[in-house]
């Protein structure tokens, strides 16, 4: 993949970054576009929340952990599965981790 003119970024067969250090906002936008997700301010809040979670715990959050952390950081209105499903359909933990340039959560199908 080549989201910028600077260098080629390698993705695995599911679209996750091979090298986590290749991530930046342009890469996130490219990955999201491939999954037909148009990133808004609400998406970016969750993307940066997940990146902070990964830096703290060295693991991509499962859905349960994502909901709980979202509630802690962004409040009760946003800390719900339905809210996250509206932003990242079918599998929020998987898609937000992919867009955030993180490994696939271990319990996501």
Foldseek 3Di string as FASTA:
>chain_A
DDLDPPDDFDAPPVQAGPDLVVDDLSSLCVSCVVVPAHDDPVLVVLLVLQVVVCVVPVAQDALVVSLVSCCVPVNDVCSDPVNQCVRPNPGSSQSSCRSSRHDGHPPDD
